[in-house]
Every structure is written in structure tokens, then in C-alpha cells.
Amino acid sequence: EWQIEYASTPGINIRAIALRHGQRWTVALLRGSVATL
């Protein structure tokens, strides 16, 4: 499992969570308001 952070404007959060099982990757992309997060 890997956590990846990206640049964003104040009040916005953008990140990816990359998960590997064998040779296969599943990625969760989370983006949007810090308040809603």
C-alpha cells in the first residue's frame, strides 16, 4: 500500500492510495473539500 499526495489549493485535498495484490494494482483517488473530507 502506498500513499501519494498532490499539490492543491487551500481547502482542497488530493491524494491517491495505490494497493497491489500480486501483479494487479487497485487505486483509490480521493479529491475535494477538506471540510467534507
Full PDB file with SEQRES, HELIX, SHEET, SSBOND, CRYST1, ORIGX, SCALE, CONECT and MASTER records, all heavy atoms in Angstrom:
SEQRES   1 A   37  GLU TRP GLN ILE GLU TYR ALA SER THR PRO GLY ILE ASN          
SEQRES   2 A   37  ILE ARG ALA ILE ALA LEU ARG HIS GLY GLN ARG TRP THR          
SEQRES   3 A   37  VAL ALA LEU LEU ARG GLY SER VAL ALA THR LEU                  
SHEET    1 AA1 3 TRP A   2  GLU A   5  0                                        
SHEET    2 AA1 3 ILE A  12  HIS A  21 -1                                        
SHEET    3 AA1 3 ARG A  24  SER A  33 -1                                        
CRYST1    1.000    1.000    1.000  90.00  90.00  90.00 P 1           1          
ORIGX1      1.000000  0.000000  0.000000        0.00000                         
ORIGX2      0.000000  1.000000  0.000000        0.00000                         
ORIGX3      0.000000  0.000000  1.000000        0.00000                         
SCALE1      1.000000  0.000000  0.000000        0.00000                         
SCALE2      0.000000  1.000000  0.000000        0.00000                         
SCALE3      0.000000  0.000000  1.000000        0.00000                         
ATOM      1  N   GLU A   1       0.859  -1.184   0.000  1.00  0.00           N  
ATOM      2  CA  GLU A   1       0.000   0.000   0.000  1.00  0.00           C  
ATOM      3  C   GLU A   1       0.897   1.235   0.000  1.00  0.00           C  
ATOM      4  O   GLU A   1       1.862   1.310   0.763  1.00  0.00           O  
ATOM      5  CB  GLU A   1      -0.917   0.032   1.219  1.00  0.00           C  
ATOM      6  CG  GLU A   1      -1.782   1.303   1.275  1.00  0.00           C  
ATOM      7  CD  GLU A   1      -2.754   1.334   2.437  1.00  0.00           C  
ATOM      8  OE1 GLU A   1      -3.136   0.236   2.912  1.00  0.00           O  
ATOM      9  OE2 GLU A   1      -3.120   2.447   2.876  1.00  0.00           O  
ATOM     10  N   TRP A   2       0.554   2.195  -0.856  1.00  0.00           N  
ATOM     11  CA  TRP A   2       1.314   3.439  -0.976  1.00  0.00           C  
ATOM     12  C   TRP A   2       0.371   4.629  -0.897  1.00  0.00           C  
ATOM     13  O   TRP A   2      -0.739   4.596  -1.429  1.00  0.00           O  
ATOM     14  CB  TRP A   2       2.076   3.489  -2.299  1.00  0.00           C  
ATOM     15  CG  TRP A   2       3.165   2.467  -2.393  1.00  0.00           C  
ATOM     16  CD1 TRP A   2       3.033   1.147  -2.722  1.00  0.00           C  
ATOM     17  CD2 TRP A   2       4.559   2.677  -2.142  1.00  0.00           C  
ATOM     18  NE1 TRP A   2       4.241   0.514  -2.689  1.00  0.00           N  
ATOM     19  CE2 TRP A   2       5.205   1.437  -2.341  1.00  0.00           C  
ATOM     20  CE3 TRP A   2       5.321   3.787  -1.783  1.00  0.00           C  
ATOM     21  CZ2 TRP A   2       6.578   1.280  -2.186  1.00  0.00           C  
ATOM     22  CZ3 TRP A   2       6.687   3.632  -1.628  1.00  0.00           C  
ATOM     23  CH2 TRP A   2       7.312   2.397  -1.824  1.00  0.00           C  
ATOM     24  N   GLN A   3       0.823   5.684  -0.221  1.00  0.00           N  
ATOM     25  CA  GLN A   3       0.064   6.925  -0.101  1.00  0.00           C  
ATOM     26  C   GLN A   3       0.768   7.996  -0.933  1.00  0.00           C  
ATOM     27  O   GLN A   3       1.979   8.214  -0.773  1.00  0.00           O  
ATOM     28  CB  GLN A   3       0.003   7.369   1.361  1.00  0.00           C  
ATOM     29  CG  GLN A   3      -0.601   6.350   2.308  1.00  0.00           C  
ATOM     30  CD  GLN A   3      -2.107   6.459   2.424  1.00  0.00           C  
ATOM     31  OE1 GLN A   3      -2.698   7.427   1.948  1.00  0.00           O  
ATOM     32  NE2 GLN A   3      -2.721   5.495   3.076  1.00  0.00           N  
ATOM     33  N   ILE A   4       0.012   8.667  -1.778  1.00  0.00           N  
ATOM     34  CA  ILE A   4       0.592   9.682  -2.665  1.00  0.00           C  
ATOM     35  C   ILE A   4      -0.183  10.976  -2.490  1.00  0.00           C  
ATOM     36  O   ILE A   4      -1.414  10.996  -2.599  1.00  0.00           O  
ATOM     37  CB  ILE A   4       0.544   9.229  -4.140  1.00  0.00           C  
ATOM     38  CG1 ILE A   4       1.238   7.866  -4.291  1.00  0.00           C  
ATOM     39  CG2 ILE A   4       1.212  10.269  -5.042  1.00  0.00           C  
ATOM     40  CD1 ILE A   4       1.076   7.243  -5.668  1.00  0.00           C  
ATOM     41  N   GLU A   5       0.526  12.066  -2.204  1.00  0.00           N  
ATOM     42  CA  GLU A   5      -0.089  13.385  -2.034  1.00  0.00           C  
ATOM     43  C   GLU A   5       0.234  14.262  -3.232  1.00  0.00           C  
ATOM     44  O   GLU A   5       1.321  14.181  -3.808  1.00  0.00           O  
ATOM     45  CB  GLU A   5       0.432  14.045  -0.752  1.00  0.00           C  
ATOM     46  CG  GLU A   5       0.064  13.320   0.536  1.00  0.00           C  
ATOM     47  CD  GLU A   5      -1.379  13.535   0.946  1.00  0.00           C  
ATOM     48  OE1 GLU A   5      -2.011  14.486   0.439  1.00  0.00           O  
ATOM     49  OE2 GLU A   5      -1.870  12.749   1.783  1.00  0.00           O  
ATOM     50  N   TYR A   6      -0.737  15.138  -3.573  1.00  0.00           N  
ATOM     51  CA  TYR A   6      -0.581  16.034  -4.719  1.00  0.00           C  
ATOM     52  C   TYR A   6      -0.799  17.485  -4.296  1.00  0.00           C  
ATOM     53  O   TYR A   6      -1.483  17.766  -3.301  1.00  0.00           O  
ATOM     54  CB  TYR A   6      -1.582  15.673  -5.825  1.00  0.00           C  
ATOM     55  CG  TYR A   6      -1.416  14.270  -6.346  1.00  0.00           C  
ATOM     56  CD1 TYR A   6      -2.086  13.207  -5.742  1.00  0.00           C  
ATOM     57  CD2 TYR A   6      -0.594  13.996  -7.429  1.00  0.00           C  
ATOM     58  CE1 TYR A   6      -1.934  11.902  -6.210  1.00  0.00           C  
ATOM     59  CE2 TYR A   6      -0.437  12.704  -7.907  1.00  0.00           C  
ATOM     60  CZ  TYR A   6      -1.111  11.655  -7.289  1.00  0.00           C  
ATOM     61  OH  TYR A   6      -0.964  10.373  -7.750  1.00  0.00           O  
ATOM     62  N   ALA A   7      -0.232  18.395  -5.063  1.00  0.00           N  
ATOM     63  CA  ALA A   7      -0.412  19.821  -4.800  1.00  0.00           C  
ATOM     64  C   ALA A   7      -1.873  20.197  -5.005  1.00  0.00           C  
ATOM     65  O   ALA A   7      -2.561  19.642  -5.869  1.00  0.00           O  
ATOM     66  CB  ALA A   7       0.477  20.648  -5.729  1.00  0.00           C  
ATOM     67  N   SER A   8      -2.349  21.138  -4.196  1.00  0.00           N  
ATOM     68  CA  SER A   8      -3.732  21.594  -4.325  1.00  0.00           C  
ATOM     69  C   SER A   8      -3.848  22.993  -3.748  1.00  0.00           C  
ATOM     70  O   SER A   8      -2.933  23.479  -3.080  1.00  0.00           O  
ATOM     71  CB  SER A   8      -4.700  20.646  -3.599  1.00  0.00           C  
ATOM     72  OG  SER A   8      -4.374  20.581  -2.222  1.00  0.00           O  
ATOM     73  N   THR A   9      -4.970  23.623  -3.992  1.00  0.00           N  
ATOM     74  CA  THR A   9      -5.227  24.938  -3.431  1.00  0.00           C  
ATOM     75  C   THR A   9      -5.681  24.796  -1.978  1.00  0.00           C  
ATOM     76  O   THR A   9      -6.114  23.719  -1.562  1.00  0.00           O  
ATOM     77  CB  THR A   9      -6.315  25.664  -4.240  1.00  0.00           C  
ATOM     78  OG1 THR A   9      -7.488  24.840  -4.264  1.00  0.00           O  
ATOM     79  CG2 THR A   9      -5.854  25.905  -5.666  1.00  0.00           C  
ATOM     80  N   PRO A  10      -5.584  25.883  -1.172  1.00  0.00           N  
ATOM     81  CA  PRO A  10      -6.027  25.796   0.223  1.00  0.00           C  
ATOM     82  C   PRO A  10      -7.473  25.315   0.331  1.00  0.00           C  
ATOM     83  O   PRO A  10      -8.344  25.731  -0.434  1.00  0.00           O  
ATOM     84  CB  PRO A  10      -5.888  27.238   0.720  1.00  0.00           C  
ATOM     85  CG  PRO A  10      -4.804  27.818  -0.133  1.00  0.00           C  
ATOM     86  CD  PRO A  10      -4.996  27.200  -1.488  1.00  0.00           C  
ATOM     87  N   GLY A  11      -7.721  24.413   1.272  1.00  0.00           N  
ATOM     88  CA  GLY A  11      -9.066  23.884   1.475  1.00  0.00           C  
ATOM     89  C   GLY A  11      -9.407  22.694   0.610  1.00  0.00           C  
ATOM     90  O   GLY A  11     -10.513  22.149   0.701  1.00  0.00           O  
ATOM     91  N   ILE A  12      -8.463  22.265  -0.255  1.00  0.00           N  
ATOM     92  CA  ILE A  12      -8.685  21.120  -1.137  1.00  0.00           C  
ATOM     93  C   ILE A  12      -7.616  20.073  -0.859  1.00  0.00           C  
ATOM     94  O   ILE A  12      -6.437  20.392  -0.679  1.00  0.00           O  
ATOM     95  CB  ILE A  12      -8.634  21.530  -2.627  1.00  0.00           C  
ATOM     96  CG1 ILE A  12      -9.708  22.565  -2.933  1.00  0.00           C  
ATOM     97  CG2 ILE A  12      -8.786  20.314  -3.530  1.00  0.00           C  
ATOM     98  CD1 ILE A  12     -11.134  22.074  -2.757  1.00  0.00           C  
ATOM     99  N   ASN A  13      -8.019  18.809  -0.789  1.00  0.00           N  
ATOM    100  CA  ASN A  13      -7.088  17.715  -0.588  1.00  0.00           C  
ATOM    101  C   ASN A  13      -7.166  16.756  -1.762  1.00  0.00           C  
ATOM    102  O   ASN A  13      -8.260  16.374  -2.194  1.00  0.00           O  
ATOM    103  CB  ASN A  13      -7.397  16.966   0.718  1.00  0.00           C  
ATOM    104  CG  ASN A  13      -6.392  15.871   0.999  1.00  0.00           C  
ATOM    105  OD1 ASN A  13      -6.532  14.738   0.553  1.00  0.00           O  
ATOM    106  ND2 ASN A  13      -5.358  16.217   1.745  1.00  0.00           N  
ATOM    107  N   ILE A  14      -5.995  16.374  -2.295  1.00  0.00           N  
ATOM    108  CA  ILE A  14      -5.931  15.428  -3.408  1.00  0.00           C  
ATOM    109  C   ILE A  14      -4.898  14.369  -3.055  1.00  0.00           C  
ATOM    110  O   ILE A  14      -3.750  14.692  -2.745  1.00  0.00           O  
ATOM    111  CB  ILE A  14      -5.541  16.121  -4.732  1.00  0.00           C  
ATOM    112  CG1 ILE A  14      -6.511  17.258  -5.059  1.00  0.00           C  
ATOM    113  CG2 ILE A  14      -5.527  15.105  -5.874  1.00  0.00           C  
ATOM    114  CD1 ILE A  14      -6.108  18.091  -6.253  1.00  0.00           C  
ATOM    115  N   ARG A  15      -5.306  13.125  -3.087  1.00  0.00           N  
ATOM    116  CA  ARG A  15      -4.384  12.041  -2.763  1.00  0.00           C  
ATOM    117  C   ARG A  15      -4.771  10.778  -3.518  1.00  0.00           C  
ATOM    118  O   ARG A  15      -5.907  10.632  -3.998  1.00  0.00           O  
ATOM    119  CB  ARG A  15      -4.382  11.765  -1.265  1.00  0.00           C  
ATOM    120  CG  ARG A  15      -5.681  11.155  -0.759  1.00  0.00           C  
ATOM    121  CD  ARG A  15      -5.625  10.861   0.739  1.00  0.00           C  
ATOM    122  NE  ARG A  15      -5.632  12.088   1.524  1.00  0.00           N  
ATOM    123  CZ  ARG A  15      -5.608  12.093   2.856  1.00  0.00           C  
ATOM    124  NH1 ARG A  15      -5.540  10.952   3.507  1.00  0.00           N  
ATOM    125  NH2 ARG A  15      -5.641  13.224   3.519  1.00  0.00           N  
ATOM    126  N   ALA A  16      -3.822   9.866  -3.607  1.00  0.00           N  
ATOM    127  CA  ALA A  16      -4.071   8.547  -4.187  1.00  0.00           C  
ATOM    128  C   ALA A  16      -3.588   7.495  -3.212  1.00  0.00           C  
ATOM    129  O   ALA A  16      -2.586   7.690  -2.513  1.00  0.00           O  
ATOM    130  CB  ALA A  16      -3.356   8.403  -5.525  1.00  0.00           C  
ATOM    131  N   ILE A  17      -4.301   6.388  -3.151  1.00  0.00           N  
ATOM    132  CA  ILE A  17      -3.881   5.234  -2.360  1.00  0.00           C  
ATOM    133  C   ILE A  17      -3.768   4.066  -3.329  1.00  0.00           C  
ATOM    134  O   ILE A  17      -4.773   3.628  -3.915  1.00  0.00           O  
ATOM    135  CB  ILE A  17      -4.895   4.929  -1.240  1.00  0.00           C  
ATOM    136  CG1 ILE A  17      -5.024   6.142  -0.312  1.00  0.00           C  
ATOM    137  CG2 ILE A  17      -4.469   3.683  -0.469  1.00  0.00           C  
ATOM    138  CD1 ILE A  17      -6.120   6.004   0.718  1.00  0.00           C  
ATOM    139  N   ALA A  18      -2.540   3.613  -3.541  1.00  0.00           N  
ATOM    140  CA  ALA A  18      -2.275   2.545  -4.501  1.00  0.00           C  
ATOM    141  C   ALA A  18      -2.069   1.226  -3.763  1.00  0.00           C  
ATOM    142  O   ALA A  18      -1.222   1.133  -2.865  1.00  0.00           O  
ATOM    143  CB  ALA A  18      -1.041   2.880  -5.328  1.00  0.00           C  
ATOM    144  N   LEU A  19      -2.842   0.206  -4.136  1.00  0.00           N  
ATOM    145  CA  LEU A  19      -2.835  -1.094  -3.469  1.00  0.00           C  
ATOM    146  C   LEU A  19      -2.464  -2.187  -4.471  1.00  0.00           C  
ATOM    147  O   LEU A  19      -3.047  -2.262  -5.562  1.00  0.00           O  
ATOM    148  CB  LEU A  19      -4.221  -1.384  -2.891  1.00  0.00           C  
ATOM    149  CG  LEU A  19      -4.758  -0.347  -1.886  1.00  0.00           C  
ATOM    150  CD1 LEU A  19      -6.273  -0.408  -1.829  1.00  0.00           C  
ATOM    151  CD2 LEU A  19      -4.170  -0.583  -0.510  1.00  0.00           C  
ATOM    152  N   ARG A  20      -1.499  -3.021  -4.100  1.00  0.00           N  
ATOM    153  CA  ARG A  20      -1.072  -4.093  -5.006  1.00  0.00           C  
ATOM    154  C   ARG A  20      -1.368  -5.463  -4.408  1.00  0.00           C  
ATOM    155  O   ARG A  20      -1.123  -5.710  -3.222  1.00  0.00           O  
ATOM    156  CB  ARG A  20       0.431  -3.995  -5.290  1.00  0.00           C  
ATOM    157  CG  ARG A  20       0.924  -5.074  -6.274  1.00  0.00           C  
ATOM    158  CD  ARG A  20       2.424  -5.007  -6.504  1.00  0.00           C  
ATOM    159  NE  ARG A  20       3.188  -5.308  -5.309  1.00  0.00           N  
ATOM    160  CZ  ARG A  20       3.454  -6.528  -4.851  1.00  0.00           C  
ATOM    161  NH1 ARG A  20       2.990  -7.601  -5.501  1.00  0.00           N  
ATOM    162  NH2 ARG A  20       4.180  -6.709  -3.755  1.00  0.00           N  
ATOM    163  N   HIS A  21      -1.897  -6.344  -5.256  1.00  0.00           N  
ATOM    164  CA  HIS A  21      -2.062  -7.760  -4.916  1.00  0.00           C  
ATOM    165  C   HIS A  21      -1.531  -8.560  -6.087  1.00  0.00           C  
ATOM    166  O   HIS A  21      -2.102  -8.518  -7.195  1.00  0.00           O  
ATOM    167  CB  HIS A  21      -3.528  -8.102  -4.672  1.00  0.00           C  
ATOM    168  CG  HIS A  21      -3.755  -9.548  -4.340  1.00  0.00           C  
ATOM    169  ND1 HIS A  21      -3.278 -10.138  -3.193  1.00  0.00           N  
ATOM    170  CD2 HIS A  21      -4.398 -10.536  -5.024  1.00  0.00           C  
ATOM    171  CE1 HIS A  21      -3.633 -11.409  -3.161  1.00  0.00           C  
ATOM    172  NE2 HIS A  21      -4.305 -11.675  -4.271  1.00  0.00           N  
ATOM    173  N   GLY A  22      -0.414  -9.264  -5.879  1.00  0.00           N  
ATOM    174  CA  GLY A  22       0.244  -9.931  -7.000  1.00  0.00           C  
ATOM    175  C   GLY A  22       0.744  -8.900  -7.993  1.00  0.00           C  
ATOM    176  O   GLY A  22       1.463  -7.964  -7.635  1.00  0.00           O  
ATOM    177  N   GLN A  23       0.358  -9.027  -9.255  1.00  0.00           N  
ATOM    178  CA  GLN A  23       0.763  -8.074 -10.289  1.00  0.00           C  
ATOM    179  C   GLN A  23      -0.313  -7.018 -10.554  1.00  0.00           C  
ATOM    180  O   GLN A  23      -0.147  -6.180 -11.434  1.00  0.00           O  
ATOM    181  CB  GLN A  23       1.054  -8.828 -11.596  1.00  0.00           C  
ATOM    182  CG  GLN A  23       2.159  -9.861 -11.470  1.00  0.00           C  
ATOM    183  CD  GLN A  23       3.474  -9.237 -11.020  1.00  0.00           C  
ATOM    184  OE1 GLN A  23       3.909  -8.211 -11.553  1.00  0.00           O  
ATOM    185  NE2 GLN A  23       4.108  -9.858 -10.017  1.00  0.00           N  
ATOM    186  N   ARG A  24      -1.363  -7.059  -9.752  1.00  0.00           N  
ATOM    187  CA  ARG A  24      -2.522  -6.211 -10.038  1.00  0.00           C  
ATOM    188  C   ARG A  24      -2.595  -5.046  -9.063  1.00  0.00           C  
ATOM    189  O   ARG A  24      -2.440  -5.211  -7.854  1.00  0.00           O  
ATOM    190  CB  ARG A  24      -3.787  -7.060  -9.932  1.00  0.00           C  
ATOM    191  CG  ARG A  24      -5.081  -6.334 -10.222  1.00  0.00           C  
ATOM    192  CD  ARG A  24      -6.233  -7.317 -10.139  1.00  0.00           C  
ATOM    193  NE  ARG A  24      -7.519  -6.695 -10.361  1.00  0.00           N  
ATOM    194  CZ  ARG A  24      -8.666  -7.351 -10.373  1.00  0.00           C  
ATOM    195  NH1 ARG A  24      -8.670  -8.655 -10.168  1.00  0.00           N  
ATOM    196  NH2 ARG A  24      -9.802  -6.719 -10.585  1.00  0.00           N  
ATOM    197  N   TRP A  25      -2.828  -3.860  -9.604  1.00  0.00           N  
ATOM    198  CA  TRP A  25      -2.953  -2.647  -8.795  1.00  0.00           C  
ATOM    199  C   TRP A  25      -4.394  -2.146  -8.776  1.00  0.00           C  
ATOM    200  O   TRP A  25      -5.075  -2.149  -9.798  1.00  0.00           O  
ATOM    201  CB  TRP A  25      -2.071  -1.532  -9.348  1.00  0.00           C  
ATOM    202  CG  TRP A  25      -0.604  -1.744  -9.136  1.00  0.00           C  
ATOM    203  CD1 TRP A  25       0.255  -2.377  -9.985  1.00  0.00           C  
ATOM    204  CD2 TRP A  25       0.171  -1.324  -8.009  1.00  0.00           C  
ATOM    205  NE1 TRP A  25       1.523  -2.388  -9.457  1.00  0.00           N  
ATOM    206  CE2 TRP A  25       1.496  -1.745  -8.245  1.00  0.00           C  
ATOM    207  CE3 TRP A  25      -0.121  -0.644  -6.835  1.00  0.00           C  
ATOM    208  CZ2 TRP A  25       2.535  -1.499  -7.350  1.00  0.00           C  
ATOM    209  CZ3 TRP A  25       0.899  -0.391  -5.936  1.00  0.00           C  
ATOM    210  CH2 TRP A  25       2.207  -0.816  -6.190  1.00  0.00           C  
ATOM    211  N   THR A  26      -4.849  -1.732  -7.612  1.00  0.00           N  
ATOM    212  CA  THR A  26      -6.118  -1.024  -7.447  1.00  0.00           C  
ATOM    213  C   THR A  26      -5.781   0.324  -6.821  1.00  0.00           C  
ATOM    214  O   THR A  26      -5.005   0.396  -5.869  1.00  0.00           O  
ATOM    215  CB  THR A  26      -7.081  -1.791  -6.531  1.00  0.00           C  
ATOM    216  OG1 THR A  26      -7.413  -3.045  -7.157  1.00  0.00           O  
ATOM    217  CG2 THR A  26      -8.361  -0.998  -6.283  1.00  0.00           C  
ATOM    218  N   VAL A  27      -6.349   1.386  -7.368  1.00  0.00           N  
ATOM    219  CA  VAL A  27      -6.014   2.733  -6.905  1.00  0.00           C  
ATOM    220  C   VAL A  27      -7.287   3.456  -6.491  1.00  0.00           C  
ATOM    221  O   VAL A  27      -8.288   3.469  -7.220  1.00  0.00           O  
ATOM    222  CB  VAL A  27      -5.288   3.546  -8.001  1.00  0.00           C  
ATOM    223  CG1 VAL A  27      -4.931   4.939  -7.477  1.00  0.00           C  
ATOM    224  CG2 VAL A  27      -4.030   2.817  -8.451  1.00  0.00           C  
ATOM    225  N   ALA A  28      -7.242   4.064  -5.308  1.00  0.00           N  
ATOM    226  CA  ALA A  28      -8.315   4.936  -4.838  1.00  0.00           C  
ATOM    227  C   ALA A  28      -7.839   6.374  -4.974  1.00  0.00           C  
ATOM    228  O   ALA A  28      -6.779   6.736  -4.451  1.00  0.00           O  
ATOM    229  CB  ALA A  28      -8.661   4.629  -3.389  1.00  0.00           C  
ATOM    230  N   LEU A  29      -8.598   7.184  -5.694  1.00  0.00           N  
ATOM    231  CA  LEU A  29      -8.290   8.601  -5.877  1.00  0.00           C  
ATOM    232  C   LEU A  29      -9.289   9.409  -5.058  1.00  0.00           C  
ATOM    233  O   LEU A  29     -10.500   9.323  -5.281  1.00  0.00           O  
ATOM    234  CB  LEU A  29      -8.381   8.985  -7.351  1.00  0.00           C  
ATOM    235  CG  LEU A  29      -7.512   8.157  -8.309  1.00  0.00           C  
ATOM    236  CD1 LEU A  29      -7.797   8.543  -9.758  1.00  0.00           C  
ATOM    237  CD2 LEU A  29      -6.037   8.324  -7.989  1.00  0.00           C  
ATOM    238  N   LEU A  30      -8.799  10.167  -4.107  1.00  0.00           N  
ATOM    239  CA  LEU A  30      -9.658  10.979  -3.239  1.00  0.00           C  
ATOM    240  C   LEU A  30      -9.345  12.442  -3.492  1.00  0.00           C  
ATOM    241  O   LEU A  30      -8.175  12.854  -3.431  1.00  0.00           O  
ATOM    242  CB  LEU A  30      -9.421  10.634  -1.766  1.00  0.00           C  
ATOM    243  CG  LEU A  30      -9.846   9.239  -1.302  1.00  0.00           C  
ATOM    244  CD1 LEU A  30      -8.784   8.198  -1.655  1.00  0.00           C  
ATOM    245  CD2 LEU A  30     -10.098   9.206   0.189  1.00  0.00           C  
ATOM    246  N   ARG A  31     -10.362  13.221  -3.764  1.00  0.00           N  
ATOM    247  CA  ARG A  31     -10.120  14.634  -4.086  1.00  0.00           C  
ATOM    248  C   ARG A  31     -11.343  15.463  -3.717  1.00  0.00           C  
ATOM    249  O   ARG A  31     -12.485  15.022  -3.870  1.00  0.00           O  
ATOM    250  CB  ARG A  31      -9.802  14.800  -5.572  1.00  0.00           C  
ATOM    251  CG  ARG A  31     -10.827  14.163  -6.477  1.00  0.00           C  
ATOM    252  CD  ARG A  31     -10.435  14.238  -7.938  1.00  0.00           C  
ATOM    253  NE  ARG A  31     -11.362  13.433  -8.732  1.00  0.00           N  
ATOM    254  CZ  ARG A  31     -11.702  13.686  -9.997  1.00  0.00           C  
ATOM    255  NH1 ARG A  31     -11.188  14.724 -10.605  1.00  0.00           N  
ATOM    256  NH2 ARG A  31     -12.537  12.902 -10.631  1.00  0.00           N  
ATOM    257  N   GLY A  32     -11.057  16.659  -3.224  1.00  0.00           N  
ATOM    258  CA  GLY A  32     -12.150  17.567  -2.925  1.00  0.00           C  
ATOM    259  C   GLY A  32     -11.947  18.351  -1.651  1.00  0.00           C  
ATOM    260  O   GLY A  32     -10.822  18.479  -1.142  1.00  0.00           O  
ATOM    261  N   SER A  33     -13.023  18.864  -1.125  1.00  0.00           N  
ATOM    262  CA  SER A  33     -13.020  19.765   0.013  1.00  0.00           C  
ATOM    263  C   SER A  33     -12.468  19.099   1.275  1.00  0.00           C  
ATOM    264  O   SER A  33     -12.888  18.001   1.651  1.00  0.00           O  
ATOM    265  CB  SER A  33     -14.449  20.251   0.270  1.00  0.00           C  
ATOM    266  OG  SER A  33     -14.599  20.768   1.553  1.00  0.00           O  
ATOM    267  N   VAL A  34     -11.545  19.794   1.948  1.00  0.00           N  
ATOM    268  CA  VAL A  34     -11.021  19.318   3.228  1.00  0.00           C  
ATOM    269  C   VAL A  34     -12.145  19.267   4.266  1.00  0.00           C  
ATOM    270  O   VAL A  34     -12.182  18.379   5.118  1.00  0.00           O  
ATOM    271  CB  VAL A  34      -9.872  20.220   3.707  1.00  0.00           C  
ATOM    272  CG1 VAL A  34      -9.454  19.869   5.127  1.00  0.00           C  
ATOM    273  CG2 VAL A  34      -8.689  20.113   2.767  1.00  0.00           C  
ATOM    274  N   ALA A  35     -13.071  20.228   4.180  1.00  0.00           N  
ATOM    275  CA  ALA A  35     -14.195  20.246   5.124  1.00  0.00           C  
ATOM    276  C   ALA A  35     -15.046  18.986   4.992  1.00  0.00           C  
ATOM    277  O   ALA A  35     -15.427  18.367   5.992  1.00  0.00           O  
ATOM    278  CB  ALA A  35     -15.046  21.486   4.902  1.00  0.00           C  
ATOM    279  N   THR A  36     -15.334  18.578   3.757  1.00  0.00           N  
ATOM    280  CA  THR A  36     -16.128  17.369   3.549  1.00  0.00           C  
ATOM    281  C   THR A  36     -15.325  16.120   3.893  1.00  0.00           C  
ATOM    282  O   THR A  36     -15.860  15.160   4.458  1.00  0.00           O  
ATOM    283  CB  THR A  36     -16.631  17.302   2.096  1.00  0.00           C  
ATOM    284  OG1 THR A  36     -17.463  18.442   1.848  1.00  0.00           O  
ATOM    285  CG2 THR A  36     -17.434  16.039   1.840  1.00  0.00           C  
ATOM    286  N   LEU A  37     -14.028  16.117   3.580  1.00  0.00           N  
ATOM    287  CA  LEU A  37     -13.168  15.013   3.973  1.00  0.00           C  
ATOM    288  C   LEU A  37     -13.214  14.813   5.480  1.00  0.00           C  
ATOM    289  O   LEU A  37     -13.314  13.681   5.972  1.00  0.00           O  
ATOM    290  CB  LEU A  37     -11.733  15.298   3.524  1.00  0.00           C  
ATOM    291  CG  LEU A  37     -10.647  14.332   4.010  1.00  0.00           C  
ATOM    292  CD1 LEU A  37     -10.889  12.928   3.485  1.00  0.00           C  
ATOM    293  CD2 LEU A  37      -9.263  14.831   3.595  1.00  0.00           C  
TER     294      LEU A  37                                                      
MASTER        0    0    0    0    3    0    0    6  293    1    0    3          
END                                                                             
